[in-house]
Protein backbone atom coordinates (compact mmCIF):
# COMPACT_ATOMS: atom_id res chain seq x y z
CA MET A 1 -10.28 -9.59 33.19
CA THR A 2 -8.23 -6.54 32.19
CA GLU A 3 -9.29 -3.18 31.80
CA ALA A 4 -8.46 -3.46 28.15
CA SER A 5 -10.74 -6.40 27.95
CA ALA A 6 -13.30 -4.79 29.99
CA ARG A 7 -13.97 -2.04 27.29
CA LEU A 8 -14.66 -4.79 24.20
CA PRO A 9 -17.36 -4.59 22.23
CA THR A 10 -19.98 -7.14 22.71
CA ILE A 11 -20.99 -9.11 19.85
CA THR A 12 -23.78 -7.67 18.51
CA GLY A 13 -25.46 -10.77 16.05
CA GLN A 14 -25.17 -8.78 13.04
CA GLY A 15 -22.57 -6.55 11.01
CA LEU A 16 -22.22 -5.05 7.86
CA GLU A 17 -19.91 -5.74 5.11
CA VAL A 18 -19.24 -4.60 1.60
CA ARG A 19 -19.70 -7.46 -1.06
CA LEU A 20 -19.04 -6.95 -4.78
CA SER A 21 -22.32 -6.79 -6.64
CA ARG A 22 -21.59 -6.70 -10.38
CA ARG A 23 -18.02 -7.21 -12.13
CA ALA A 24 -16.87 -4.09 -13.69
CA THR A 25 -16.81 -3.99 -17.42
CA ASP A 26 -15.94 -0.72 -18.91
CA THR A 27 -16.16 1.82 -14.93
CA VAL A 28 -15.60 0.79 -11.99
CA SER A 29 -18.09 3.17 -10.36
CA PRO A 30 -19.89 2.94 -6.51
CA ASP A 31 -22.82 0.28 -8.08
CA CYS A 32 -20.28 -2.15 -8.26
CA PHE A 33 -21.20 -2.87 -4.75
CA GLU A 34 -23.05 -3.53 -1.57
CA VAL A 35 -23.30 -2.68 1.78
CA VAL A 36 -25.29 -5.68 3.30
CA GLU A 37 -26.07 -6.81 6.83
CA VAL A 38 -24.43 -10.84 7.84
CA ASP A 39 -24.98 -12.26 11.05
CA VAL A 40 -21.82 -12.64 13.49
CA ALA A 41 -21.18 -16.31 13.24
CA GLU A 42 -20.35 -17.90 16.52
CA PRO A 43 -16.70 -19.38 17.00
CA GLY A 44 -15.66 -23.18 16.55
CA PRO A 45 -13.40 -24.71 18.39
CA GLY A 46 -10.20 -22.91 17.37
CA GLN A 47 -11.89 -19.80 16.39
CA VAL A 48 -11.97 -16.30 17.20
CA VAL A 49 -14.25 -13.48 16.65
CA VAL A 50 -12.54 -10.55 15.69
CA ARG A 51 -14.48 -6.69 15.94
CA ASN A 52 -12.27 -4.78 12.88
CA LEU A 53 -11.19 -1.52 14.14
CA ILE A 54 -8.94 -0.23 10.71
CA MET A 55 -8.70 -1.43 7.39
CA SER A 56 -6.37 -0.78 4.66
CA VAL A 57 -7.40 0.59 1.14
CA ASP A 58 -4.44 -0.20 -1.81
CA PRO A 59 -3.99 0.22 -5.14
CA TYR A 60 -3.39 -3.11 -6.42
CA MET A 61 -7.54 -3.97 -5.24
CA LEU A 62 -8.79 -2.19 -8.13
CA SER A 63 -7.14 -4.88 -10.27
CA ARG A 64 -8.88 -7.69 -8.77
CA LEU A 65 -12.21 -6.29 -10.21
CA VAL A 66 -10.93 -7.13 -13.11
CA PRO A 67 -10.33 -11.28 -13.93
CA LEU A 68 -6.57 -12.20 -14.85
CA ARG A 69 -5.89 -8.30 -14.38
CA GLY A 70 -3.22 -8.42 -11.60
CA ALA A 71 -1.23 -11.04 -10.01
CA ALA A 72 -4.21 -11.16 -6.95
CA PRO A 73 -7.11 -13.58 -7.12
CA ALA A 74 -9.82 -11.40 -8.47
CA PHE A 75 -12.44 -10.25 -5.89
CA GLU A 76 -15.61 -12.92 -6.46
CA VAL A 77 -19.66 -11.73 -7.23
CA GLY A 78 -21.91 -12.06 -4.66
CA ARG A 79 -18.79 -12.36 -1.75
CA ALA A 80 -17.26 -9.69 0.87
CA LEU A 81 -14.02 -7.87 -0.48
CA ASP A 82 -11.20 -8.97 1.67
CA GLY A 83 -7.74 -7.11 2.09
CA ASP A 84 -5.39 -5.73 5.63
CA ALA A 85 -7.34 -5.37 8.34
CA VAL A 86 -6.69 -4.96 12.33
CA GLY A 87 -9.02 -5.62 15.14
CA VAL A 88 -9.52 -7.18 18.45
CA ILE A 89 -10.62 -10.28 19.84
CA VAL A 90 -13.83 -10.38 21.00
CA GLU A 91 -14.54 -14.03 21.66
CA SER A 92 -12.04 -16.92 21.37
CA ALA A 93 -12.48 -20.89 21.51
CA ASP A 94 -8.65 -21.22 20.42
CA ASP A 95 -6.53 -22.19 23.65
CA THR A 96 -3.81 -19.79 22.02
CA LEU A 97 -5.38 -16.35 21.28
CA ALA A 98 -7.37 -14.40 24.22
CA ARG A 99 -10.06 -11.71 24.38
CA GLY A 100 -8.57 -8.30 23.81
CA GLN A 101 -5.55 -9.44 22.10
CA TYR A 102 -4.90 -6.76 18.89
CA VAL A 103 -4.64 -9.09 15.55
CA LEU A 104 -4.03 -8.45 12.11
CA HIS A 105 -5.93 -10.24 8.81
CA ARG A 106 -7.09 -10.03 6.03
CA ALA A 107 -10.80 -9.85 6.40
CA GLY A 108 -10.95 -6.30 5.68
CA PHE A 109 -14.16 -4.76 4.40
CA ARG A 110 -16.22 -6.15 6.93
CA GLU A 111 -16.69 -4.85 10.64
CA TRP A 112 -17.14 -8.69 12.24
CA ALA A 113 -15.21 -11.30 11.02
CA THR A 114 -15.12 -15.24 12.54
CA LEU A 115 -11.67 -16.81 11.44
CA ALA A 116 -9.60 -19.50 12.40
CA ALA A 117 -6.59 -19.22 14.84
CA SER A 118 -4.14 -19.85 11.80
CA ASP A 119 -6.07 -16.72 9.94
CA VAL A 120 -4.90 -13.81 12.30
CA THR A 121 -1.39 -12.61 13.57
CA VAL A 122 -1.46 -11.38 17.22
CA ILE A 123 0.46 -7.52 17.52
CA ASP A 124 2.16 -5.58 19.71
CA ILE A 125 0.86 -1.90 19.96
CA THR A 126 2.89 -0.95 23.10
CA ASP A 127 4.73 1.92 21.80
CA VAL A 128 3.01 2.16 18.16
CA SER A 129 -0.30 2.82 16.65
CA PRO A 130 -2.11 -0.31 15.19
CA SER A 131 -2.59 1.27 11.74
CA ALA A 132 1.38 1.04 12.02
CA TYR A 133 1.14 -2.32 10.70
CA LEU A 134 -1.30 -1.69 7.51
CA GLY A 135 1.30 1.16 6.60
CA VAL A 136 5.57 1.03 7.60
CA LEU A 137 5.31 -1.82 9.62
CA GLY A 138 2.74 -3.50 6.88
CA MET A 139 2.86 -5.06 3.39
CA PRO A 140 3.35 -1.21 1.35
CA GLY A 141 6.25 -0.94 4.51
CA PHE A 142 7.88 -3.88 3.39
CA THR A 143 7.62 -3.53 -0.29
CA ALA A 144 9.66 -0.21 0.46
CA TRP A 145 11.88 -2.20 2.55
CA VAL A 146 12.60 -4.62 0.30
CA ALA A 147 13.20 -2.35 -2.77
CA ALA A 148 16.41 -0.79 -1.17
CA ARG A 149 17.31 -3.70 1.20
CA LEU A 150 17.14 -6.86 -1.40
CA ILE A 151 16.84 -5.20 -4.75
CA ALA A 152 18.91 -2.43 -5.52
CA ILE A 153 21.05 -1.26 -2.19
CA PHE A 154 21.28 1.95 -1.99
CA ARG A 155 24.23 4.50 -2.35
CA ALA A 156 25.16 7.30 -0.69
CA GLY A 157 24.85 10.14 -3.17
CA GLU A 158 22.82 8.73 -5.47
CA SER A 159 20.34 10.50 -7.24
CA VAL A 160 16.67 8.66 -6.49
CA LEU A 161 13.64 9.23 -8.49
CA VAL A 162 10.35 8.01 -6.83
CA THR A 163 6.76 7.64 -8.48
CA ALA A 164 4.18 7.68 -6.25
CA GLY A 165 5.82 8.93 -4.12
CA ALA A 166 2.73 10.44 -1.45
CA GLY A 167 1.46 6.86 -2.03
CA ALA A 168 2.30 4.48 1.14
CA VAL A 169 5.52 2.68 -0.30
CA GLY A 170 6.68 5.71 -1.81
CA THR A 171 6.62 7.49 1.70
CA THR A 172 8.05 5.03 3.07
CA TYR A 173 11.08 4.51 0.68
CA THR A 174 12.04 8.53 0.10
CA GLN A 175 12.34 8.18 4.00
CA LEU A 176 14.82 5.11 3.71
CA ALA A 177 16.36 6.55 0.56
CA ARG A 178 17.19 10.02 2.84
CA PHE A 179 18.86 7.80 5.34
CA ALA A 180 20.92 6.14 3.28
CA ASP A 181 22.21 9.93 2.22
CA CYS A 182 20.27 9.97 -1.06
CA ARG A 183 19.11 12.82 -3.09
CA VAL A 184 15.33 11.94 -3.59
CA VAL A 185 13.20 13.52 -6.19
CA CYS A 186 9.50 12.44 -5.97
CA SER A 187 6.37 12.43 -8.62
CA VAL A 188 3.14 13.51 -7.60
CA GLY A 189 -0.11 14.49 -8.44
CA ASN A 190 -0.98 16.81 -5.60
CA ASP A 191 0.57 20.23 -5.28
CA ASP A 192 0.09 20.00 -1.47
CA ASN A 193 1.65 15.96 -1.40
CA GLY A 194 4.52 17.41 -2.94
CA ARG A 195 5.93 20.18 0.09
CA ARG A 196 4.64 17.76 2.55
CA LEU A 197 7.12 15.21 1.03
CA VAL A 198 10.10 17.88 1.52
CA ASP A 199 8.50 19.85 5.14
CA GLU A 200 7.83 16.26 6.84
CA LEU A 201 9.26 13.13 5.14
CA GLY A 202 12.83 14.94 4.12
CA ALA A 203 11.98 14.13 0.19
CA ASP A 204 14.60 17.19 -1.81
CA ALA A 205 12.32 17.97 -4.26
CA TRP A 206 9.09 16.86 -6.49
CA PHE A 207 7.31 17.66 -9.56
CA ASN A 208 3.40 17.00 -10.46
CA TYR A 209 3.28 14.97 -13.45
CA ARG A 210 0.39 16.64 -14.36
CA ASP A 211 2.17 19.51 -15.13
CA GLY A 212 3.32 18.66 -18.27
CA PRO A 213 5.53 16.15 -20.18
CA PHE A 214 7.03 13.35 -17.56
CA THR A 215 10.03 13.25 -18.72
CA ASP A 216 10.61 17.22 -19.28
CA LEU A 217 9.76 17.79 -15.45
CA ALA A 218 11.73 14.71 -14.46
CA ILE A 219 14.91 16.09 -15.90
CA ALA A 220 14.33 19.49 -14.54
CA ALA A 221 14.08 18.44 -11.09
CA LEU A 222 17.03 15.84 -11.70
CA PRO A 223 19.08 17.20 -14.39
CA GLU A 224 22.28 15.48 -13.96
CA GLY A 225 19.61 12.46 -14.30
CA ALA A 226 18.80 9.66 -11.69
CA ASP A 227 20.57 6.60 -10.52
CA LEU A 228 18.03 4.94 -9.14
CA ALA A 229 14.11 4.86 -9.55
CA LEU A 230 11.31 3.23 -7.96
CA ASP A 231 8.50 2.48 -10.24
CA ASN A 232 4.81 2.48 -8.84
CA ILE A 233 2.69 3.49 -11.53
CA GLY A 234 4.00 1.23 -15.23
CA GLY A 235 2.18 2.69 -18.17
CA ALA A 236 3.54 5.92 -19.38
CA GLN A 237 5.71 7.02 -16.29
CA LEU A 238 7.87 3.61 -16.31
CA ARG A 239 8.11 4.19 -20.31
CA ASP A 240 9.47 8.33 -19.70
CA MET A 241 11.37 7.19 -17.33
CA ILE A 242 14.21 5.58 -19.17
CA GLU A 243 15.12 9.01 -20.44
CA VAL A 244 16.10 10.21 -16.76
CA MET A 245 18.38 7.66 -15.94
CA ARG A 246 21.76 8.01 -15.58
CA PRO A 247 24.55 5.33 -17.80
CA GLN A 248 24.08 1.93 -15.31
CA GLY A 249 21.03 3.53 -13.63
CA ARG A 250 18.76 0.98 -11.75
CA ILE A 251 14.64 0.87 -12.55
CA VAL A 252 12.57 -0.79 -9.53
CA MET A 253 9.01 -1.78 -10.57
CA CYS A 254 6.88 -2.43 -7.34
CA GLY A 255 3.51 -2.07 -8.84
CA SER A 256 1.23 -0.72 -12.13
CA ALA A 257 -1.06 1.62 -10.88
CA ALA A 258 -1.89 2.73 -14.29
CA LEU A 259 -3.03 -0.23 -15.55
CA TYR A 260 -5.18 -2.01 -12.94
CA GLY A 261 -8.50 -0.18 -13.95
CA PRO A 262 -10.74 -1.90 -16.31
CA ASN A 263 -10.31 0.43 -19.34
CA THR A 264 -6.62 1.54 -19.44
CA PRO A 265 -5.12 3.37 -22.07
CA PRO A 266 -2.53 0.99 -24.34
CA ILE A 267 1.09 2.37 -23.64
CA SER A 268 3.63 1.45 -26.55
CA PHE A 269 7.38 1.60 -26.56
CA GLU A 270 9.11 2.90 -29.36
CA ALA A 271 11.93 0.92 -30.55
CA ARG A 272 14.62 3.89 -29.82
CA GLN A 273 13.13 3.97 -26.02
CA LEU A 274 13.87 0.44 -25.35
CA ILE A 275 17.09 0.55 -27.08
CA GLN A 276 18.11 3.09 -23.95
CA LEU A 277 18.58 0.29 -21.83
CA VAL A 278 21.15 -1.25 -23.94
CA SER A 279 22.88 2.04 -24.90
CA ARG A 280 22.80 3.37 -20.97
CA ARG A 281 22.96 -0.10 -19.84
CA LEU A 282 20.12 0.12 -17.81
CA THR A 283 18.74 -2.23 -14.84
CA LEU A 284 15.57 -2.94 -15.42
CA ARG A 285 13.89 -5.40 -12.15
CA GLY A 286 10.60 -5.76 -10.84
CA PHE A 287 9.50 -8.33 -8.02
CA THR A 288 6.38 -8.86 -5.82
CA TYR A 289 7.05 -9.12 -1.99
CA PRO A 290 5.70 -12.71 -1.17
CA ASP A 291 9.11 -13.63 -3.21
CA HIS A 292 10.77 -12.31 0.14
CA LEU A 293 8.60 -13.65 2.67
CA ALA A 294 11.86 -15.20 4.69
CA ALA A 295 13.22 -11.71 5.29
CA HIS A 296 10.46 -10.56 6.69
CA ARG A 297 11.45 -11.03 10.32
CA ASP A 298 14.71 -8.70 9.68
CA PHE A 299 12.12 -6.32 8.08
CA ARG A 300 9.66 -5.81 11.29
CA ALA A 301 12.81 -5.57 13.41
CA GLU A 302 14.37 -3.33 11.67
CA MET A 303 11.15 -1.35 10.92
CA SER A 304 9.77 -1.14 14.22
CA GLU A 305 12.87 0.53 15.93
CA LEU A 306 13.01 3.11 13.37
CA LEU A 307 9.52 3.67 14.03
CA SER A 308 9.09 3.47 17.62
CA SER A 309 12.29 5.36 18.01
CA GLY A 310 10.21 8.20 16.02
CA ALA A 311 13.33 8.23 13.43
CA ILE A 312 10.79 7.75 10.44
CA VAL A 313 6.86 8.14 10.76
CA ASN A 314 4.07 5.98 9.54
CA ALA A 315 2.14 8.88 6.70
CA GLU A 316 -1.50 8.08 6.64
CA THR A 317 -4.52 8.83 5.34
CA VAL A 318 -7.54 8.11 8.12
CA VAL A 319 -10.94 8.02 6.01
CA ASN A 320 -14.20 6.98 9.11
CA GLY A 321 -17.09 4.60 8.14
CA LEU A 322 -17.06 1.21 6.30
CA ASP A 323 -19.56 2.74 4.06
CA ARG A 324 -17.30 4.78 2.30
CA ALA A 325 -14.45 2.39 2.06
CA VAL A 326 -15.27 1.88 -1.56
CA GLU A 327 -15.21 5.52 -2.37
CA ALA A 328 -11.74 5.47 -0.55
CA MET A 329 -10.69 2.66 -3.04
CA LEU A 330 -12.49 4.61 -6.41
CA GLY A 331 -11.02 7.55 -4.97
CA ILE A 332 -7.59 6.34 -5.58
CA PHE A 333 -8.05 6.37 -9.71
CA THR A 334 -10.24 9.15 -9.33
CA GLY A 335 -7.46 11.97 -7.91
CA THR A 336 -8.80 12.05 -4.57
CA PRO A 337 -5.67 13.34 -2.76
CA HIS A 338 -4.56 10.76 -0.05
CA PHE A 339 -1.15 11.22 1.58
CA GLY A 340 1.01 8.04 2.80
CA LYS A 341 -1.52 4.77 3.85
CA LEU A 342 -4.77 5.20 3.08
CA ILE A 343 -6.70 3.30 5.77
CA VAL A 344 -10.82 3.46 6.60
CA ASP A 345 -11.57 3.19 10.85
CA VAL A 346 -14.50 0.87 10.66
CA SER A 347 -14.47 1.01 14.45
């Protein structure tokens, strides 16, 4: 037994999990959820028991509260929520996995998980924090990497506009754009986050979209327009972004946070705005990261090296306690400030 495995927790027989208690209709509120205590199942052949340490909270999760709203399947009423999590194996009934190994899996929103060996991925935390596998080395980092390396490749000297610049995808994409010698301007919803993007991650400028019309604020920060834009928000910000783009500009869409809630306001695109896609010869392209999983090995190799060398940082905000997971998730949409990847420490 190694020193690390000697310190592992032992199965207590019961653990907490967060369930969806009712489907959201008008407003998503804490009473849509419940925290319950459940038995921890012993592992059968080919299974492991994992004690979760940290779990991910992501904007797309709100879309899963509304059937057919998002690309991901809706959460089921009466069942535990799920999402990316990192944990440690405390009991194994599989020959390929051992007690004490750290693993990445999809059974978040619970303290314990009994999983098939095929549902966990062993991760190496020798040179990086486990939480990096939920941020820069996880789904948000992969999304930013795909946008930068496969969808619209940076060109040195370009001006780049990033919406939700202080989010998990935005903070990674901002750093990648700076490495490519681009001028990066980020839209944020919080002044402190804007300052941190400049001071800590190398962004050139920022503006708070709450301070006035999006187009006016963006043009003030980018008087010559943007060559490339990464949009995480959709809705009105995407519509207004069109007027900020330079001729032959590229807009990459990787999220629609403004549209994830159950009662999102209708957004109309006027003909004069849409015609600019033609008159300015703009490219508007959306993507989802699962379409590019064949490139995941290349992503992990490049980003692991950048992270372990200190060339990039894994920006994150940590919330403590499984009982605050719902608060953290809903806080994304009520304007609770966070910087980088939002994770919950459930250890």
